[in-house]
Amino acid sequence: MQIGVPMEIKSQEYRVGMTPGGVRELVATGHIVQVQTQCGARIGLTDDLYRDAGAQVIETAEALFSDCDLIVKVKEPQARECRLLRPGQTLFTYLHLAADPEQAKLLMASGANCIAYETITSPQGGLPLLAPMSVVAGRLSVQAGAHHMEIHQGGNGALLGGVPGVPSAQVLILGGGVVGTNAIRMALGMGADVTVIDRSVKRLTELDEQYGGRLRTVYSTAEAIEETASHADLIIGAVLIAGASAPKLVTRDMLKKLKPGAVMVDVAIDQGGCFETSKATTHDDPHLCHRPDRALLRCQYARRRRPHRHNGFD
């Protein structure tokens, strides 16, 4: 089989679909691997490393897509990449189609066989290709949230761990899966006062046994989310329904009851987001709007700036 690894062209995506080590394994079993020139250069994987592993280095994405039976990527194909796909070809990458109907239409029109990493399921029912990204996202969500809690970033200035005589910040985590578990670990490690809400009593029991009195566990209802969110300094949306759009757990009306300067990190944004008013932006232009009297969505992080006025993100 001829396998192609193009350069990622999504804004500020530096990863690559296959390392030289992966190329070496495939070439050893008789496959032909083509990589687009400079596809891994931004993370230190040079063309020479790929050549030494047995890859053919190709100049253009067009030539690579034309030659190869299987295309291996990291992020969902952009519109011009979708148009390079052909009937019978196979694409293997993250897709997150639930929140991207336009991409779905382009992929269907291409006639290619498109397999999403995030839907690959293990015999035990887990999502082994999505889990590593969820670990990273969960840990970064607390780090990013803490940054945006700073007053000069528009937050309320609360310190996650507090200081002697001042209580710790209150962190609400919606979802106790891989993202949520890693967010819990980071937030507790920084000394925050953490509550997790989940609809699985079994999962809440496991988390309670793991963290004991350090973590509050609450069964998921609209009332519980509304009540807990109104006291939170940082809310992390860590909800996943595999292959489907994320449920809107924090509604527009709930935003009116949040603390001034509360920060919201919507990790579920690639599945449409679990906050009703969340919208994805890009790293090149992280502000959804530039009016200072309106709430902002910065790199998937939503924050409310005014105590008595609600302005949506749309």
C-alpha atoms as a PDB file:
ATOM      1  CA  MET A   1       0.000   0.000   0.000  1.00  0.00           C
ATOM      2  CA  GLN A   2       1.119   3.555  -0.711  1.00  0.00           C
ATOM      3  CA  ILE A   3       0.671   5.706   2.387  1.00  0.00           C
ATOM      4  CA  GLY A   4       0.900   9.489   2.319  1.00  0.00           C
ATOM      5  CA  VAL A   5       1.690  11.907   5.150  1.00  0.00           C
ATOM      6  CA  PRO A   6       0.983  15.537   4.155  1.00  0.00           C
ATOM      7  CA  MET A   7       2.008  18.673   6.009  1.00  0.00           C
ATOM      8  CA  GLU A   8      -0.730  19.972   8.310  1.00  0.00           C
ATOM      9  CA  ILE A   9      -2.121  23.277   7.055  1.00  0.00           C
ATOM     10  CA  LYS A  10      -4.611  24.131   9.796  1.00  0.00           C
ATOM     11  CA  SER A  11      -3.707  27.330  11.649  1.00  0.00           C
ATOM     12  CA  GLN A  12      -0.815  26.745  14.071  1.00  0.00           C
ATOM     13  CA  GLU A  13      -0.951  22.960  13.831  1.00  0.00           C
ATOM     14  CA  TYR A  14       2.631  21.737  14.190  1.00  0.00           C
ATOM     15  CA  ARG A  15       2.117  18.013  14.629  1.00  0.00           C
ATOM     16  CA  VAL A  16       2.575  15.450  11.872  1.00  0.00           C
ATOM     17  CA  GLY A  17       0.606  12.301  11.122  1.00  0.00           C
ATOM     18  CA  MET A  18       3.580   9.942  11.326  1.00  0.00           C
ATOM     19  CA  THR A  19       7.058  10.067  12.848  1.00  0.00           C
ATOM     20  CA  PRO A  20      10.149   8.592  11.188  1.00  0.00           C
ATOM     21  CA  GLY A  21       9.819   5.665  13.614  1.00  0.00           C
ATOM     22  CA  GLY A  22       6.348   4.923  12.276  1.00  0.00           C
ATOM     23  CA  VAL A  23       7.615   5.170   8.714  1.00  0.00           C
ATOM     24  CA  ARG A  24      10.365   2.663   9.467  1.00  0.00           C
ATOM     25  CA  GLU A  25       7.864   0.124  10.813  1.00  0.00           C
ATOM     26  CA  LEU A  26       5.604   0.398   7.764  1.00  0.00           C
ATOM     27  CA  VAL A  27       8.442   0.274   5.239  1.00  0.00           C
ATOM     28  CA  ALA A  28       9.809  -2.841   6.965  1.00  0.00           C
ATOM     29  CA  THR A  29       6.497  -4.616   6.309  1.00  0.00           C
ATOM     30  CA  GLY A  30       6.544  -3.763   2.614  1.00  0.00           C
ATOM     31  CA  HIS A  31       4.553  -0.538   2.403  1.00  0.00           C
ATOM     32  CA  ILE A  32       5.583   2.575   0.474  1.00  0.00           C
ATOM     33  CA  VAL A  33       5.434   5.763   2.528  1.00  0.00           C
ATOM     34  CA  GLN A  34       5.474   9.232   1.017  1.00  0.00           C
ATOM     35  CA  VAL A  35       5.845  12.326   3.184  1.00  0.00           C
ATOM     36  CA  GLN A  36       5.461  15.909   2.081  1.00  0.00           C
ATOM     37  CA  THR A  37       8.666  17.880   2.348  1.00  0.00           C
ATOM     38  CA  GLN A  38       9.078  19.798   5.622  1.00  0.00           C
ATOM     39  CA  CYS A  39       5.981  18.123   7.095  1.00  0.00           C
ATOM     40  CA  GLY A  40       7.718  17.588  10.439  1.00  0.00           C
ATOM     41  CA  ALA A  41      10.296  20.356  10.324  1.00  0.00           C
ATOM     42  CA  ARG A  42       8.453  22.540  12.847  1.00  0.00           C
ATOM     43  CA  ILE A  43       8.877  19.864  15.528  1.00  0.00           C
ATOM     44  CA  GLY A  44      12.419  18.854  14.624  1.00  0.00           C
ATOM     45  CA  LEU A  45      11.652  15.984  12.222  1.00  0.00           C
ATOM     46  CA  THR A  46      13.697  16.781   9.137  1.00  0.00           C
ATOM     47  CA  ASP A  47      13.321  15.401   5.633  1.00  0.00           C
ATOM     48  CA  ASP A  48      16.625  13.544   6.093  1.00  0.00           C
ATOM     49  CA  LEU A  49      15.238  11.709   9.137  1.00  0.00           C
ATOM     50  CA  TYR A  50      12.293  10.558   7.022  1.00  0.00           C
ATOM     51  CA  ARG A  51      14.566   9.518   4.149  1.00  0.00           C
ATOM     52  CA  ASP A  52      16.764   7.528   6.539  1.00  0.00           C
ATOM     53  CA  ALA A  53      13.609   5.740   7.747  1.00  0.00           C
ATOM     54  CA  GLY A  54      12.783   4.751   4.168  1.00  0.00           C
ATOM     55  CA  ALA A  55      10.234   7.401   3.166  1.00  0.00           C
ATOM     56  CA  GLN A  56       9.961   9.092  -0.198  1.00  0.00           C
ATOM     57  CA  VAL A  57       9.912  12.883   0.215  1.00  0.00           C
ATOM     58  CA  ILE A  58       7.350  14.553  -2.057  1.00  0.00           C
ATOM     59  CA  GLU A  59       7.266  18.249  -2.899  1.00  0.00           C
ATOM     60  CA  THR A  60       3.529  18.971  -3.020  1.00  0.00           C
ATOM     61  CA  ALA A  61       0.364  17.830  -1.286  1.00  0.00           C
ATOM     62  CA  GLU A  62      -1.305  17.477  -4.691  1.00  0.00           C
ATOM     63  CA  ALA A  63       1.240  14.879  -5.833  1.00  0.00           C
ATOM     64  CA  LEU A  64       1.036  13.006  -2.537  1.00  0.00           C
ATOM     65  CA  PHE A  65      -2.782  12.856  -2.509  1.00  0.00           C
ATOM     66  CA  SER A  66      -2.743  11.748  -6.155  1.00  0.00           C
ATOM     67  CA  ASP A  67      -0.327   8.846  -5.592  1.00  0.00           C
ATOM     68  CA  CYS A  68      -1.362   7.392  -2.238  1.00  0.00           C
ATOM     69  CA  ASP A  69      -4.089   4.941  -1.269  1.00  0.00           C
ATOM     70  CA  LEU A  70      -4.089   5.937   2.420  1.00  0.00           C
ATOM     71  CA  ILE A  71      -3.667   9.498   3.749  1.00  0.00           C
ATOM     72  CA  VAL A  72      -2.588   9.811   7.398  1.00  0.00           C
ATOM     73  CA  LYS A  73      -3.061  13.180   9.054  1.00  0.00           C
ATOM     74  CA  VAL A  74      -3.534  14.730  12.487  1.00  0.00           C
ATOM     75  CA  LYS A  75      -6.259  17.342  12.137  1.00  0.00           C
ATOM     76  CA  GLU A  76      -9.394  17.388  10.036  1.00  0.00           C
ATOM     77  CA  PRO A  77      -8.771  18.157   6.370  1.00  0.00           C
ATOM     78  CA  GLN A  78      -9.250  21.730   5.339  1.00  0.00           C
ATOM     79  CA  ALA A  79     -11.517  22.507   2.387  1.00  0.00           C
ATOM     80  CA  ARG A  80      -8.759  22.424  -0.218  1.00  0.00           C
ATOM     81  CA  GLU A  81      -7.507  19.098   1.160  1.00  0.00           C
ATOM     82  CA  CYS A  82     -11.007  17.615   0.984  1.00  0.00           C
ATOM     83  CA  ARG A  83     -11.066  18.462  -2.708  1.00  0.00           C
ATOM     84  CA  LEU A  84      -7.835  16.478  -3.237  1.00  0.00           C
ATOM     85  CA  LEU A  85      -9.438  13.275  -1.959  1.00  0.00           C
ATOM     86  CA  ARG A  86     -10.830  10.792  -4.486  1.00  0.00           C
ATOM     87  CA  PRO A  87     -13.254   7.856  -4.513  1.00  0.00           C
ATOM     88  CA  GLY A  88     -11.809   4.717  -2.958  1.00  0.00           C
ATOM     89  CA  GLN A  89      -9.011   6.545  -1.163  1.00  0.00           C
ATOM     90  CA  THR A  90      -8.846   6.241   2.642  1.00  0.00           C
ATOM     91  CA  LEU A  91      -8.317   9.150   5.034  1.00  0.00           C
ATOM     92  CA  PHE A  92      -7.257   8.470   8.629  1.00  0.00           C
ATOM     93  CA  THR A  93      -7.288  11.472  10.980  1.00  0.00           C
ATOM     94  CA  TYR A  94      -9.283  13.328  13.624  1.00  0.00           C
ATOM     95  CA  LEU A  95     -12.521  14.576  12.036  1.00  0.00           C
ATOM     96  CA  HIS A  96     -14.987  15.769  14.733  1.00  0.00           C
ATOM     97  CA  LEU A  97     -17.793  15.924  12.180  1.00  0.00           C
ATOM     98  CA  ALA A  98     -20.609  16.536  14.670  1.00  0.00           C
ATOM     99  CA  ALA A  99     -19.687  20.216  14.854  1.00  0.00           C
ATOM    100  CA  ASP A 100     -18.620  20.642  11.221  1.00  0.00           C
ATOM    101  CA  PRO A 101     -21.371  19.900   8.675  1.00  0.00           C
ATOM    102  CA  GLU A 102     -19.493  21.638   5.853  1.00  0.00           C
ATOM    103  CA  GLN A 103     -16.530  19.297   6.241  1.00  0.00           C
ATOM    104  CA  ALA A 104     -18.909  16.337   6.324  1.00  0.00           C
ATOM    105  CA  LYS A 105     -20.463  17.432   3.032  1.00  0.00           C
ATOM    106  CA  LEU A 106     -17.065  17.839   1.352  1.00  0.00           C
ATOM    107  CA  LEU A 107     -15.888  14.441   2.548  1.00  0.00           C
ATOM    108  CA  MET A 108     -19.078  12.769   1.337  1.00  0.00           C
ATOM    109  CA  ALA A 109     -18.689  14.437  -2.042  1.00  0.00           C
ATOM    110  CA  SER A 110     -15.097  13.188  -2.326  1.00  0.00           C
ATOM    111  CA  GLY A 111     -16.155   9.534  -2.235  1.00  0.00           C
ATOM    112  CA  ALA A 112     -13.201   8.713   0.027  1.00  0.00           C
ATOM    113  CA  ASN A 113     -13.377   6.348   2.987  1.00  0.00           C
ATOM    114  CA  CYS A 114     -12.850   8.580   6.014  1.00  0.00           C
ATOM    115  CA  ILE A 115     -11.983   7.052   9.406  1.00  0.00           C
ATOM    116  CA  ALA A 116     -11.972   9.326  12.458  1.00  0.00           C
ATOM    117  CA  TYR A 117      -9.414   8.673  15.185  1.00  0.00           C
ATOM    118  CA  GLU A 118     -11.896   9.827  17.817  1.00  0.00           C
ATOM    119  CA  THR A 119     -14.372   7.064  16.955  1.00  0.00           C
ATOM    120  CA  ILE A 120     -11.947   4.115  17.089  1.00  0.00           C
ATOM    121  CA  THR A 121     -13.131   1.975  20.014  1.00  0.00           C
ATOM    122  CA  SER A 122     -11.151  -0.613  21.964  1.00  0.00           C
ATOM    123  CA  PRO A 123     -12.616  -4.022  22.931  1.00  0.00           C
ATOM    124  CA  GLN A 124     -13.101  -2.566  26.411  1.00  0.00           C
ATOM    125  CA  GLY A 125     -15.188   0.316  25.020  1.00  0.00           C
ATOM    126  CA  GLY A 126     -12.528   2.980  25.402  1.00  0.00           C
ATOM    127  CA  LEU A 127     -11.306   5.523  22.840  1.00  0.00           C
ATOM    128  CA  PRO A 128      -7.559   4.790  22.652  1.00  0.00           C
ATOM    129  CA  LEU A 129      -6.702   7.330  19.953  1.00  0.00           C
ATOM    130  CA  LEU A 130      -8.669  10.152  21.539  1.00  0.00           C
ATOM    131  CA  ALA A 131      -7.512   9.502  25.105  1.00  0.00           C
ATOM    132  CA  PRO A 132      -3.945  10.925  24.770  1.00  0.00           C
ATOM    133  CA  MET A 133      -5.289  14.189  23.358  1.00  0.00           C
ATOM    134  CA  SER A 134      -7.872  14.314  26.142  1.00  0.00           C
ATOM    135  CA  VAL A 135      -5.136  13.967  28.761  1.00  0.00           C
ATOM    136  CA  VAL A 136      -3.300  16.931  27.278  1.00  0.00           C
ATOM    137  CA  ALA A 137      -6.494  18.991  26.933  1.00  0.00           C
ATOM    138  CA  GLY A 138      -7.580  18.298  30.503  1.00  0.00           C
ATOM    139  CA  ARG A 139      -4.269  19.353  31.959  1.00  0.00           C
ATOM    140  CA  LEU A 140      -3.951  22.430  29.764  1.00  0.00           C
ATOM    141  CA  SER A 141      -7.514  23.536  30.520  1.00  0.00           C
ATOM    142  CA  VAL A 142      -6.622  24.405  34.120  1.00  0.00           C
ATOM    143  CA  GLN A 143      -3.384  26.093  33.083  1.00  0.00           C
ATOM    144  CA  ALA A 144      -5.183  28.179  30.466  1.00  0.00           C
ATOM    145  CA  GLY A 145      -8.062  28.955  32.816  1.00  0.00           C
ATOM    146  CA  ALA A 146      -5.697  30.143  35.548  1.00  0.00           C
ATOM    147  CA  HIS A 147      -4.035  32.489  33.060  1.00  0.00           C
ATOM    148  CA  HIS A 148      -7.340  34.041  32.038  1.00  0.00           C
ATOM    149  CA  MET A 149      -8.396  34.451  35.670  1.00  0.00           C
ATOM    150  CA  GLU A 150      -5.750  37.163  36.021  1.00  0.00           C
ATOM    151  CA  ILE A 151      -7.256  40.643  36.201  1.00  0.00           C
ATOM    152  CA  HIS A 152      -5.270  41.990  33.250  1.00  0.00           C
ATOM    153  CA  GLN A 153      -6.694  39.115  31.170  1.00  0.00           C
ATOM    154  CA  GLY A 154     -10.258  40.039  32.140  1.00  0.00           C
ATOM    155  CA  GLY A 155     -10.655  37.623  35.049  1.00  0.00           C
ATOM    156  CA  ASN A 156     -11.525  38.372  38.654  1.00  0.00           C
ATOM    157  CA  GLY A 157      -7.999  37.935  39.980  1.00  0.00           C
ATOM    158  CA  ALA A 158      -8.720  34.820  42.037  1.00  0.00           C
ATOM    159  CA  LEU A 159      -5.694  32.615  42.720  1.00  0.00           C
ATOM    160  CA  LEU A 160      -6.415  28.916  42.257  1.00  0.00           C
ATOM    161  CA  GLY A 161      -4.653  27.901  45.450  1.00  0.00           C
ATOM    162  CA  GLY A 162      -5.538  30.995  47.458  1.00  0.00           C
ATOM    163  CA  VAL A 163      -3.161  32.331  50.114  1.00  0.00           C
ATOM    164  CA  PRO A 164      -3.245  32.171  53.926  1.00  0.00           C
ATOM    165  CA  GLY A 165      -6.357  34.036  55.012  1.00  0.00           C
ATOM    166  CA  VAL A 166      -7.915  33.990  51.514  1.00  0.00           C
ATOM    167  CA  PRO A 167      -9.932  31.006  50.226  1.00  0.00           C
ATOM    168  CA  SER A 168      -8.916  29.038  47.168  1.00  0.00           C
ATOM    169  CA  ALA A 169     -10.658  29.637  43.851  1.00  0.00           C
ATOM    170  CA  GLN A 170     -13.700  27.487  43.149  1.00  0.00           C
ATOM    171  CA  VAL A 171     -13.364  25.278  40.088  1.00  0.00           C
ATOM    172  CA  LEU A 172     -16.296  23.447  38.499  1.00  0.00           C
ATOM    173  CA  ILE A 173     -15.529  20.585  36.121  1.00  0.00           C
ATOM    174  CA  LEU A 174     -18.373  19.280  33.979  1.00  0.00           C
ATOM    175  CA  GLY A 175     -17.642  15.655  33.185  1.00  0.00           C
ATOM    176  CA  GLY A 176     -15.525  13.044  34.927  1.00  0.00           C
ATOM    177  CA  GLY A 177     -14.017  11.329  31.886  1.00  0.00           C
ATOM    178  CA  VAL A 178     -10.419  11.540  30.681  1.00  0.00           C
ATOM    179  CA  VAL A 179     -10.457  15.324  30.223  1.00  0.00           C
ATOM    180  CA  GLY A 180     -12.261  15.912  33.491  1.00  0.00           C
ATOM    181  CA  THR A 181     -10.049  13.535  35.473  1.00  0.00           C
ATOM    182  CA  ASN A 182      -6.907  15.279  34.297  1.00  0.00           C
ATOM    183  CA  ALA A 183      -8.406  18.705  34.959  1.00  0.00           C
ATOM    184  CA  ILE A 184      -9.275  17.531  38.489  1.00  0.00           C
ATOM    185  CA  ARG A 185      -5.722  16.342  39.027  1.00  0.00           C
ATOM    186  CA  MET A 186      -4.249  19.685  37.965  1.00  0.00           C
ATOM    187  CA  ALA A 187      -6.756  21.871  39.813  1.00  0.00           C
ATOM    188  CA  LEU A 188      -6.405  19.942  43.073  1.00  0.00           C
ATOM    189  CA  GLY A 189      -2.644  19.957  42.672  1.00  0.00           C
ATOM    190  CA  MET A 190      -2.729  23.755  42.501  1.00  0.00           C
ATOM    191  CA  GLY A 191      -4.805  23.914  45.662  1.00  0.00           C
ATOM    192  CA  ALA A 192      -8.181  24.836  44.168  1.00  0.00           C
ATOM    193  CA  ASP A 193     -11.575  24.043  45.688  1.00  0.00           C
ATOM    194  CA  VAL A 194     -12.867  21.568  43.074  1.00  0.00           C
ATOM    195  CA  THR A 195     -16.325  20.211  42.267  1.00  0.00           C
ATOM    196  CA  VAL A 196     -16.981  17.663  39.515  1.00  0.00           C
ATOM    197  CA  ILE A 197     -20.426  17.058  38.045  1.00  0.00           C
ATOM    198  CA  ASP A 198     -21.199  13.877  36.124  1.00  0.00           C
ATOM    199  CA  ARG A 199     -24.292  11.813  35.293  1.00  0.00           C
ATOM    200  CA  SER A 200     -22.588   8.511  36.158  1.00  0.00           C
ATOM    201  CA  VAL A 201     -22.893   7.621  39.830  1.00  0.00           C
ATOM    202  CA  LYS A 202     -20.314   4.876  39.247  1.00  0.00           C
ATOM    203  CA  ARG A 203     -17.791   7.393  37.963  1.00  0.00           C
ATOM    204  CA  LEU A 204     -18.510   9.828  40.791  1.00  0.00           C
ATOM    205  CA  THR A 205     -17.967   7.002  43.270  1.00  0.00           C
ATOM    206  CA  GLU A 206     -14.619   6.137  41.682  1.00  0.00           C
ATOM    207  CA  LEU A 207     -13.492   9.765  41.863  1.00  0.00           C
ATOM    208  CA  ASP A 208     -14.679  10.084  45.449  1.00  0.00           C
ATOM    209  CA  GLU A 209     -12.704   6.998  46.413  1.00  0.00           C
ATOM    210  CA  GLN A 210      -9.637   8.309  44.599  1.00  0.00           C
ATOM    211  CA  TYR A 211      -9.633  11.812  46.060  1.00  0.00           C
ATOM    212  CA  GLY A 212     -11.719  11.430  49.211  1.00  0.00           C
ATOM    213  CA  GLY A 213     -12.609  14.675  50.934  1.00  0.00           C
ATOM    214  CA  ARG A 214     -10.429  16.754  48.610  1.00  0.00           C
ATOM    215  CA  LEU A 215     -13.044  16.619  45.831  1.00  0.00           C
ATOM    216  CA  ARG A 216     -16.779  17.341  45.858  1.00  0.00           C
ATOM    217  CA  THR A 217     -18.845  15.112  43.583  1.00  0.00           C
ATOM    218  CA  VAL A 218     -22.317  16.132  42.387  1.00  0.00           C
ATOM    219  CA  TYR A 219     -24.811  14.234  40.237  1.00  0.00           C
ATOM    220  CA  SER A 220     -25.619  16.092  37.029  1.00  0.00           C
ATOM    221  CA  THR A 221     -28.922  17.969  36.873  1.00  0.00           C
ATOM    222  CA  ALA A 222     -29.694  21.375  35.387  1.00  0.00           C
ATOM    223  CA  GLU A 223     -30.331  22.720  38.881  1.00  0.00           C
ATOM    224  CA  ALA A 224     -27.023  21.391  40.212  1.00  0.00           C
ATOM    225  CA  ILE A 225     -25.077  22.875  37.295  1.00  0.00           C
ATOM    226  CA  GLU A 226     -26.783  26.257  37.647  1.00  0.00           C
ATOM    227  CA  GLU A 227     -26.240  26.411  41.405  1.00  0.00           C
ATOM    228  CA  THR A 228     -22.607  25.300  41.324  1.00  0.00           C
ATOM    229  CA  ALA A 229     -21.686  27.414  38.305  1.00  0.00           C
ATOM    230  CA  SER A 230     -22.973  30.571  39.989  1.00  0.00           C
ATOM    231  CA  HIS A 231     -20.243  30.251  42.646  1.00  0.00           C
ATOM    232  CA  ALA A 232     -17.392  29.149  40.377  1.00  0.00           C
ATOM    233  CA  ASP A 233     -14.351  31.203  39.421  1.00  0.00           C
ATOM    234  CA  LEU A 234     -13.385  28.708  36.701  1.00  0.00           C
ATOM    235  CA  ILE A 235     -15.700  26.345  34.802  1.00  0.00           C
ATOM    236  CA  ILE A 236     -14.238  23.626  32.593  1.00  0.00           C
ATOM    237  CA  GLY A 237     -16.500  21.904  30.084  1.00  0.00           C
ATOM    238  CA  ALA A 238     -15.151  18.365  29.750  1.00  0.00           C
ATOM    239  CA  VAL A 239     -18.152  16.570  28.273  1.00  0.00           C
ATOM    240  CA  LEU A 240     -17.915  13.973  25.516  1.00  0.00           C
ATOM    241  CA  ILE A 241     -20.554  11.937  23.744  1.00  0.00           C
ATOM    242  CA  ALA A 242     -18.529   9.936  21.237  1.00  0.00           C
ATOM    243  CA  GLY A 243     -19.397  10.852  17.670  1.00  0.00           C
ATOM    244  CA  ALA A 244     -22.153  13.292  18.649  1.00  0.00           C
ATOM    245  CA  SER A 245     -22.527  16.974  19.441  1.00  0.00           C
ATOM    246  CA  ALA A 246     -21.818  17.931  23.029  1.00  0.00           C
ATOM    247  CA  PRO A 247     -24.901  18.707  25.157  1.00  0.00           C
ATOM    248  CA  LYS A 248     -25.380  22.387  26.063  1.00  0.00           C
ATOM    249  CA  LEU A 249     -24.983  22.184  29.825  1.00  0.00           C
ATOM    250  CA  VAL A 250     -24.361  25.871  30.554  1.00  0.00           C
ATOM    251  CA  THR A 251     -27.173  27.837  28.941  1.00  0.00           C
ATOM    252  CA  ARG A 252     -27.293  31.466  27.916  1.00  0.00           C
ATOM    253  CA  ASP A 253     -29.557  32.218  30.869  1.00  0.00           C
ATOM    254  CA  MET A 254     -27.107  30.617  33.285  1.00  0.00           C
ATOM    255  CA  LEU A 255     -24.378  33.021  32.150  1.00  0.00           C
ATOM    256  CA  LYS A 256     -26.303  35.905  33.700  1.00  0.00           C
ATOM    257  CA  LYS A 257     -25.807  34.307  37.130  1.00  0.00           C
ATOM    258  CA  LEU A 258     -22.045  33.761  36.909  1.00  0.00           C
ATOM    259  CA  LYS A 259     -19.560  35.719  38.991  1.00  0.00           C
ATOM    260  CA  PRO A 260     -18.144  38.795  37.245  1.00  0.00           C
ATOM    261  CA  GLY A 261     -14.832  37.756  35.707  1.00  0.00           C
ATOM    262  CA  ALA A 262     -15.565  34.024  35.889  1.00  0.00           C
ATOM    263  CA  VAL A 263     -13.631  32.065  33.269  1.00  0.00           C
ATOM    264  CA  MET A 264     -15.071  29.261  31.121  1.00  0.00           C
ATOM    265  CA  VAL A 265     -12.892  26.759  29.260  1.00  0.00           C
ATOM    266  CA  ASP A 266     -14.891  24.741  26.729  1.00  0.00           C
ATOM    267  CA  VAL A 267     -12.804  21.676  25.937  1.00  0.00           C
ATOM    268  CA  ALA A 268     -15.814  20.187  24.142  1.00  0.00           C
ATOM    269  CA  ILE A 269     -15.622  22.901  21.467  1.00  0.00           C
ATOM    270  CA  ASP A 270     -14.485  20.452  18.767  1.00  0.00           C
ATOM    271  CA  GLN A 271     -17.824  18.679  19.247  1.00  0.00           C
ATOM    272  CA  GLY A 272     -19.788  21.942  19.185  1.00  0.00           C
ATOM    273  CA  GLY A 273     -19.118  22.995  22.766  1.00  0.00           C
ATOM    274  CA  CYS A 274     -21.027  22.332  25.978  1.00  0.00           C
ATOM    275  CA  PHE A 275     -21.663  26.026  26.708  1.00  0.00           C
ATOM    276  CA  GLU A 276     -24.607  27.295  24.680  1.00  0.00           C
ATOM    277  CA  THR A 277     -22.865  30.447  23.480  1.00  0.00           C
ATOM    278  CA  SER A 278     -19.429  28.980  22.708  1.00  0.00           C
ATOM    279  CA  LYS A 279     -18.076  29.321  19.198  1.00  0.00           C
ATOM    280  CA  ALA A 280     -14.757  28.080  17.872  1.00  0.00           C
ATOM    281  CA  THR A 281     -12.207  30.628  16.730  1.00  0.00           C
ATOM    282  CA  THR A 282      -8.633  30.223  15.455  1.00  0.00           C
ATOM    283  CA  HIS A 283      -5.255  30.777  17.040  1.00  0.00           C
ATOM    284  CA  ASP A 284      -4.526  33.432  14.414  1.00  0.00           C
ATOM    285  CA  ASP A 285      -7.587  35.437  15.468  1.00  0.00           C
ATOM    286  CA  PRO A 286      -8.668  34.185  18.897  1.00  0.00           C
ATOM    287  CA  HIS A 287     -11.134  37.011  19.586  1.00  0.00           C
ATOM    288  CA  LEU A 288     -14.607  36.373  18.290  1.00  0.00           C
ATOM    289  CA  CYS A 289     -15.325  40.079  18.539  1.00  0.00           C
ATOM    290  CA  HIS A 290     -13.249  43.120  19.431  1.00  0.00           C
ATOM    291  CA  ARG A 291     -15.776  45.318  21.202  1.00  0.00           C
ATOM    292  CA  PRO A 292     -14.657  45.902  24.825  1.00  0.00           C
ATOM    293  CA  ASP A 293     -18.259  45.825  26.116  1.00  0.00           C
ATOM    294  CA  ARG A 294     -18.852  42.302  24.863  1.00  0.00           C
ATOM    295  CA  ALA A 295     -17.802  38.938  26.171  1.00  0.00           C
ATOM    296  CA  LEU A 296     -14.961  37.263  24.373  1.00  0.00           C
ATOM    297  CA  LEU A 297     -14.101  33.767  23.282  1.00  0.00           C
ATOM    298  CA  ARG A 298     -10.316  33.425  23.269  1.00  0.00           C
ATOM    299  CA  CYS A 299      -8.899  30.157  21.964  1.00  0.00           C
ATOM    300  CA  GLN A 300     -12.002  28.303  23.138  1.00  0.00           C
ATOM    301  CA  TYR A 301     -12.022  30.093  26.500  1.00  0.00           C
ATOM    302  CA  ALA A 302     -15.137  32.151  27.266  1.00  0.00           C
ATOM    303  CA  ARG A 303     -15.165  34.862  29.899  1.00  0.00           C
ATOM    304  CA  ARG A 304     -17.884  37.203  31.121  1.00  0.00           C
ATOM    305  CA  ARG A 305     -16.750  40.777  31.647  1.00  0.00           C
ATOM    306  CA  ARG A 306     -19.748  42.691  32.992  1.00  0.00           C
ATOM    307  CA  PRO A 307     -21.498  41.950  36.297  1.00  0.00           C
ATOM    308  CA  HIS A 308     -24.983  43.159  35.328  1.00  0.00           C
ATOM    309  CA  ARG A 309     -25.123  42.723  31.576  1.00  0.00           C
ATOM    310  CA  HIS A 310     -25.086  39.549  29.536  1.00  0.00           C
ATOM    311  CA  ASN A 311     -23.708  39.664  26.029  1.00  0.00           C
ATOM    312  CA  GLY A 312     -23.538  36.433  24.054  1.00  0.00           C
ATOM    313  CA  PHE A 313     -20.655  35.324  21.929  1.00  0.00           C
ATOM    314  CA  ASP A 314     -22.684  35.308  18.694  1.00  0.00           C
END
